[in-house]
N, C-alpha and C. Protein backbone atom coordinates (compact mmCIF):
# COMPACT_ATOMS: atom_id res chain seq x y z
N MET A 1 5.67 -20.86 18.12
CA MET A 1 5.32 -20.76 19.54
C MET A 1 5.19 -19.30 19.96
N ALA A 2 5.78 -18.39 19.22
CA ALA A 2 5.74 -16.98 19.56
C ALA A 2 4.32 -16.44 19.55
N ASP A 3 3.40 -17.16 18.91
CA ASP A 3 2.01 -16.73 18.87
C ASP A 3 1.26 -17.10 20.15
N MET A 4 1.79 -18.06 20.91
CA MET A 4 1.14 -18.52 22.13
C MET A 4 1.29 -17.48 23.24
N LYS A 5 0.23 -17.29 24.00
CA LYS A 5 0.29 -16.38 25.13
C LYS A 5 1.22 -16.97 26.19
N VAL A 6 2.09 -16.13 26.71
CA VAL A 6 3.07 -16.58 27.69
C VAL A 6 2.40 -17.17 28.92
N ASP A 7 1.31 -16.57 29.38
CA ASP A 7 0.67 -17.05 30.61
C ASP A 7 -0.06 -18.38 30.42
N GLU A 8 -0.09 -18.91 29.19
CA GLU A 8 -0.70 -20.21 28.94
C GLU A 8 0.35 -21.29 28.72
N MET A 9 1.63 -20.91 28.74
CA MET A 9 2.71 -21.85 28.45
C MET A 9 3.07 -22.68 29.67
N SER A 10 3.51 -23.89 29.39
CA SER A 10 4.09 -24.72 30.43
C SER A 10 5.50 -24.20 30.69
N PHE A 11 6.13 -24.69 31.74
CA PHE A 11 7.51 -24.30 32.03
C PHE A 11 8.40 -24.67 30.85
N GLU A 12 8.24 -25.88 30.35
CA GLU A 12 9.09 -26.36 29.26
C GLU A 12 8.93 -25.53 27.99
N GLN A 13 7.70 -25.16 27.67
CA GLN A 13 7.46 -24.34 26.49
C GLN A 13 8.12 -22.96 26.64
N ALA A 14 7.92 -22.36 27.80
CA ALA A 14 8.49 -21.04 28.04
C ALA A 14 10.02 -21.09 28.03
N MET A 15 10.60 -22.10 28.63
CA MET A 15 12.06 -22.23 28.66
C MET A 15 12.61 -22.42 27.26
N SER A 16 11.96 -23.24 26.47
CA SER A 16 12.41 -23.50 25.11
C SER A 16 12.41 -22.22 24.28
N GLU A 17 11.32 -21.48 24.36
CA GLU A 17 11.25 -20.23 23.60
C GLU A 17 12.25 -19.21 24.14
N LEU A 18 12.43 -19.17 25.45
CA LEU A 18 13.40 -18.25 26.04
C LEU A 18 14.80 -18.54 25.52
N GLU A 19 15.14 -19.81 25.41
CA GLU A 19 16.45 -20.20 24.86
C GLU A 19 16.59 -19.71 23.42
N GLN A 20 15.52 -19.79 22.65
CA GLN A 20 15.55 -19.32 21.27
C GLN A 20 15.74 -17.81 21.21
N VAL A 21 15.03 -17.10 22.08
CA VAL A 21 15.14 -15.64 22.14
C VAL A 21 16.56 -15.23 22.49
N VAL A 22 17.12 -15.85 23.51
CA VAL A 22 18.49 -15.53 23.93
C VAL A 22 19.47 -15.80 22.79
N GLY A 23 19.28 -16.91 22.10
CA GLY A 23 20.14 -17.23 20.97
C GLY A 23 20.11 -16.18 19.89
N GLN A 24 18.91 -15.71 19.57
CA GLN A 24 18.77 -14.67 18.55
C GLN A 24 19.43 -13.37 19.00
N LEU A 25 19.23 -13.01 20.24
CA LEU A 25 19.82 -11.77 20.75
C LEU A 25 21.34 -11.86 20.81
N GLU A 26 21.85 -13.03 21.18
CA GLU A 26 23.31 -13.21 21.26
C GLU A 26 23.97 -13.14 19.89
N ARG A 27 23.30 -13.63 18.86
CA ARG A 27 23.86 -13.58 17.51
C ARG A 27 24.04 -12.14 17.05
N GLY A 28 23.13 -11.26 17.48
CA GLY A 28 23.25 -9.85 17.15
C GLY A 28 22.90 -9.49 15.73
N ASP A 29 22.26 -10.40 15.01
CA ASP A 29 21.90 -10.12 13.62
C ASP A 29 20.44 -9.71 13.46
N VAL A 30 19.82 -9.27 14.55
CA VAL A 30 18.41 -8.88 14.55
C VAL A 30 18.34 -7.34 14.56
N PRO A 31 17.51 -6.74 13.72
CA PRO A 31 17.36 -5.29 13.73
C PRO A 31 16.94 -4.78 15.12
N LEU A 32 17.27 -3.54 15.40
CA LEU A 32 17.03 -2.95 16.72
C LEU A 32 15.59 -3.11 17.19
N GLU A 33 14.63 -2.76 16.35
CA GLU A 33 13.22 -2.85 16.75
C GLU A 33 12.85 -4.29 17.12
N ASP A 34 13.32 -5.24 16.33
CA ASP A 34 13.04 -6.64 16.62
C ASP A 34 13.75 -7.09 17.89
N SER A 35 14.93 -6.56 18.12
CA SER A 35 15.67 -6.88 19.35
C SER A 35 14.91 -6.43 20.58
N ILE A 36 14.32 -5.26 20.49
CA ILE A 36 13.54 -4.73 21.61
C ILE A 36 12.34 -5.64 21.87
N LYS A 37 11.64 -6.03 20.81
CA LYS A 37 10.49 -6.93 20.96
C LYS A 37 10.92 -8.28 21.53
N LEU A 38 12.04 -8.79 21.04
CA LEU A 38 12.56 -10.07 21.55
C LEU A 38 12.91 -9.96 23.03
N TYR A 39 13.55 -8.86 23.40
CA TYR A 39 13.92 -8.66 24.81
C TYR A 39 12.67 -8.63 25.69
N GLU A 40 11.64 -7.92 25.25
CA GLU A 40 10.39 -7.84 26.02
C GLU A 40 9.75 -9.21 26.14
N ARG A 41 9.74 -9.96 25.04
CA ARG A 41 9.17 -11.32 25.07
C ARG A 41 10.00 -12.19 26.01
N GLY A 42 11.31 -12.05 25.93
CA GLY A 42 12.19 -12.81 26.81
C GLY A 42 11.94 -12.51 28.28
N ALA A 43 11.69 -11.25 28.60
CA ALA A 43 11.41 -10.87 29.99
C ALA A 43 10.11 -11.53 30.46
N GLU A 44 9.10 -11.57 29.59
CA GLU A 44 7.84 -12.24 29.94
C GLU A 44 8.06 -13.74 30.15
N LEU A 45 8.84 -14.34 29.26
CA LEU A 45 9.11 -15.77 29.36
C LEU A 45 9.88 -16.11 30.63
N LYS A 46 10.84 -15.27 30.98
CA LYS A 46 11.62 -15.47 32.21
C LYS A 46 10.70 -15.42 33.42
N LYS A 47 9.80 -14.46 33.43
CA LYS A 47 8.86 -14.32 34.55
C LYS A 47 7.97 -15.56 34.64
N ARG A 48 7.52 -16.06 33.49
CA ARG A 48 6.67 -17.25 33.47
C ARG A 48 7.42 -18.46 34.04
N CYS A 49 8.68 -18.62 33.63
CA CYS A 49 9.49 -19.73 34.14
C CYS A 49 9.65 -19.62 35.65
N GLU A 50 9.92 -18.43 36.14
CA GLU A 50 10.07 -18.23 37.59
C GLU A 50 8.79 -18.56 38.32
N THR A 51 7.65 -18.16 37.76
CA THR A 51 6.36 -18.44 38.38
C THR A 51 6.09 -19.94 38.45
N LYS A 52 6.34 -20.64 37.33
CA LYS A 52 6.11 -22.08 37.30
C LYS A 52 7.05 -22.82 38.25
N LEU A 53 8.30 -22.36 38.37
CA LEU A 53 9.24 -22.98 39.32
C LEU A 53 8.77 -22.77 40.75
N LYS A 54 8.30 -21.57 41.05
CA LYS A 54 7.80 -21.28 42.40
C LYS A 54 6.60 -22.18 42.73
N GLU A 55 5.70 -22.35 41.76
CA GLU A 55 4.55 -23.23 41.97
C GLU A 55 5.01 -24.66 42.27
N ALA A 56 6.00 -25.13 41.53
CA ALA A 56 6.50 -26.49 41.75
C ALA A 56 7.16 -26.61 43.13
N GLU A 57 7.94 -25.60 43.51
CA GLU A 57 8.58 -25.62 44.82
C GLU A 57 7.55 -25.66 45.93
N GLU A 58 6.46 -24.92 45.77
CA GLU A 58 5.41 -24.90 46.78
C GLU A 58 4.72 -26.26 46.89
N LYS A 59 4.53 -26.91 45.76
CA LYS A 59 3.92 -28.24 45.79
C LYS A 59 4.84 -29.24 46.49
N VAL A 60 6.13 -29.17 46.20
CA VAL A 60 7.09 -30.07 46.85
C VAL A 60 7.14 -29.78 48.35
N ALA A 61 7.07 -28.52 48.72
CA ALA A 61 7.12 -28.15 50.13
C ALA A 61 5.91 -28.69 50.89
N GLN A 62 4.82 -28.97 50.20
CA GLN A 62 3.61 -29.47 50.85
C GLN A 62 3.67 -30.96 51.16
N ILE A 63 4.57 -31.67 50.52
CA ILE A 63 4.64 -33.12 50.70
C ILE A 63 5.16 -33.44 52.10
N THR A 64 4.44 -34.28 52.79
CA THR A 64 4.89 -34.72 54.11
C THR A 64 5.33 -36.18 54.00
N LEU A 65 6.26 -36.55 54.85
CA LEU A 65 6.78 -37.92 54.84
C LEU A 65 6.39 -38.64 56.12
N SER A 66 6.18 -39.94 55.98
CA SER A 66 5.89 -40.77 57.15
C SER A 66 7.21 -41.07 57.87
N ARG A 67 7.13 -41.78 58.98
CA ARG A 67 8.34 -42.11 59.75
C ARG A 67 9.36 -42.91 58.94
N ASP A 68 8.87 -43.69 57.97
CA ASP A 68 9.80 -44.49 57.17
C ASP A 68 10.26 -43.77 55.90
N GLY A 69 9.94 -42.47 55.81
CA GLY A 69 10.43 -41.66 54.70
C GLY A 69 9.57 -41.71 53.45
N GLN A 70 8.41 -42.33 53.52
CA GLN A 70 7.54 -42.41 52.36
C GLN A 70 6.54 -41.24 52.37
N PRO A 71 6.20 -40.71 51.18
CA PRO A 71 5.21 -39.64 51.14
C PRO A 71 3.90 -40.10 51.77
N SER A 72 3.37 -39.29 52.67
CA SER A 72 2.15 -39.68 53.36
C SER A 72 1.01 -38.69 53.17
N GLY A 73 1.25 -37.63 52.45
CA GLY A 73 0.20 -36.65 52.24
C GLY A 73 0.81 -35.29 51.99
N THR A 74 -0.03 -34.30 52.15
CA THR A 74 0.44 -32.93 51.97
C THR A 74 -0.01 -32.07 53.12
N THR A 75 0.71 -31.00 53.35
CA THR A 75 0.32 -30.02 54.35
C THR A 75 0.24 -28.67 53.67
N PRO A 76 -0.64 -27.80 54.14
CA PRO A 76 -0.74 -26.48 53.53
C PRO A 76 0.56 -25.70 53.67
N VAL A 77 0.87 -24.93 52.66
CA VAL A 77 2.04 -24.05 52.70
C VAL A 77 1.57 -22.71 53.26
N GLU A 78 2.26 -22.22 54.27
CA GLU A 78 1.89 -20.95 54.87
C GLU A 78 2.02 -19.84 53.84
N GLY A 79 1.11 -18.89 53.89
CA GLY A 79 1.20 -17.72 53.03
C GLY A 79 0.52 -17.90 51.68
N LEU A 80 -0.10 -19.05 51.43
CA LEU A 80 -0.78 -19.24 50.15
C LEU A 80 -2.23 -18.89 50.26
């Protein structure tokens, strides 16, 4: 998965790889140069996860409910 571009990953893909990166860094058995590359990749993955979560939150915020509490449509989110 490390070959996949971060900006093309789903939230789940990015989170999974981020967990792998953190695990490798925590073990401490990675050479310094590789640790730096892993850290940089991890930072990109973290940013991707945050972006995908924000997108999901915005979609949820758009859902409107009818009087009986059922989803009835969506409303625009201000600032988009």
